[in-house]
């Protein structure tokens, strides 16, 4: 669960979406998350919004095509793999 963005409390998914939309693609942001009840901090890079149907994964970018894309447009890889991507 994401509960902070750049040190500011995030109340819900809509607030997260609005806050991230104010950042520029390529900018690094800090997310505060709770994973299995343990608070963690992640640095992630803001990506570019792609309209539905547009190709999201870039070949050769190093990003895993097996990540999850939720309704808020957030993509993540399996955290147990030892990697975190934005």
Protein backbone atom coordinates (compact mmCIF):
# COMPACT_ATOMS: atom_id res chain seq x y z
CA UNK A 1 0.00 0.00 0.00
CA UNK A 2 1.34 3.44 -0.96
CA UNK A 3 0.81 5.90 1.88
CA UNK A 4 3.31 8.73 1.14
CA UNK A 5 4.65 10.63 -1.84
CA UNK A 6 7.78 12.75 -1.32
CA UNK A 7 7.14 12.75 2.44
CA UNK A 8 3.49 13.84 2.16
CA UNK A 9 0.61 11.63 3.30
CA UNK A 10 -1.51 10.13 0.49
CA UNK A 11 -5.11 9.49 1.48
CA UNK A 12 -6.25 7.35 -1.48
CA UNK A 13 -5.52 6.29 -5.04
CA UNK A 14 -7.12 9.39 -6.53
CA UNK A 15 -4.87 11.67 -4.46
CA UNK A 16 -1.82 9.66 -5.57
CA UNK A 17 -2.82 9.93 -9.23
CA UNK A 18 -3.28 13.71 -8.99
CA UNK A 19 -0.01 14.20 -7.09
CA UNK A 20 2.05 12.12 -9.55
CA UNK A 21 0.45 13.87 -12.53
CA UNK A 22 2.04 17.11 -11.31
CA UNK A 23 5.54 15.63 -11.70
CA UNK A 24 7.43 15.56 -14.99
CA UNK A 25 8.34 12.31 -16.81
CA UNK A 26 11.86 11.30 -15.84
CA UNK A 27 11.66 12.96 -12.41
CA UNK A 28 12.52 10.74 -9.42
CA UNK A 29 9.96 10.61 -6.63
CA UNK A 30 9.98 8.94 -3.23
CA UNK A 31 7.14 6.60 -2.30
CA UNK A 32 6.42 5.51 1.25
CA UNK A 33 4.82 2.08 1.26
CA UNK A 34 3.62 -0.52 3.73
CA UNK A 35 4.59 -4.06 2.78
CA UNK A 36 3.44 -6.83 5.08
CA UNK A 37 2.98 -4.17 7.77
CA UNK A 38 6.55 -2.90 7.42
CA UNK A 39 7.12 0.70 6.25
CA UNK A 40 9.55 1.03 3.34
CA UNK A 41 10.74 3.85 1.07
CA UNK A 42 11.24 3.49 -2.67
CA UNK A 43 12.75 5.87 -5.21
CA UNK A 44 10.98 5.58 -8.55
CA UNK A 45 11.14 7.45 -11.84
CA UNK A 46 7.94 8.99 -13.22
CA UNK A 47 7.09 7.53 -16.61
CA UNK A 48 5.19 8.99 -19.50
CA UNK A 49 1.44 8.44 -19.84
CA UNK A 50 0.45 6.33 -22.83
CA UNK A 51 -3.09 6.28 -24.14
CA UNK A 52 -4.88 2.91 -23.93
CA UNK A 53 -3.71 0.70 -26.76
CA UNK A 54 -0.31 2.40 -27.02
CA UNK A 55 2.75 0.26 -26.50
CA UNK A 56 3.95 0.83 -22.93
CA UNK A 57 7.05 -1.34 -22.63
CA UNK A 58 10.08 -0.16 -24.55
CA UNK A 59 12.22 -2.88 -26.08
CA UNK A 60 15.70 -2.83 -24.59
CA UNK A 61 14.76 -0.51 -21.73
CA UNK A 62 15.50 -3.16 -19.14
CA UNK A 63 11.93 -2.98 -17.86
CA UNK A 64 10.16 -6.26 -17.33
CA UNK A 65 7.15 -6.80 -19.56
CA UNK A 66 5.73 -9.08 -16.86
CA UNK A 67 4.86 -6.17 -14.53
CA UNK A 68 1.37 -5.31 -13.45
CA UNK A 69 -0.49 -2.28 -14.79
CA UNK A 70 -3.30 -1.17 -12.51
CA UNK A 71 -6.16 1.17 -13.24
CA UNK A 72 -4.13 4.13 -11.97
CA UNK A 73 -1.42 3.49 -14.55
CA UNK A 74 1.17 2.32 -12.02
CA UNK A 75 3.37 -0.52 -13.20
CA UNK A 76 5.41 -2.64 -10.85
CA UNK A 77 7.46 -5.80 -11.00
CA UNK A 78 7.29 -8.63 -8.50
CA UNK A 79 8.94 -7.17 -5.38
CA UNK A 80 10.22 -10.60 -4.37
CA UNK A 81 12.44 -10.65 -7.47
CA UNK A 82 14.86 -8.24 -5.76
CA UNK A 83 14.22 -5.44 -8.30
CA UNK A 84 11.90 -2.50 -8.22
CA UNK A 85 11.00 -0.57 -11.35
CA UNK A 86 8.83 2.45 -11.86
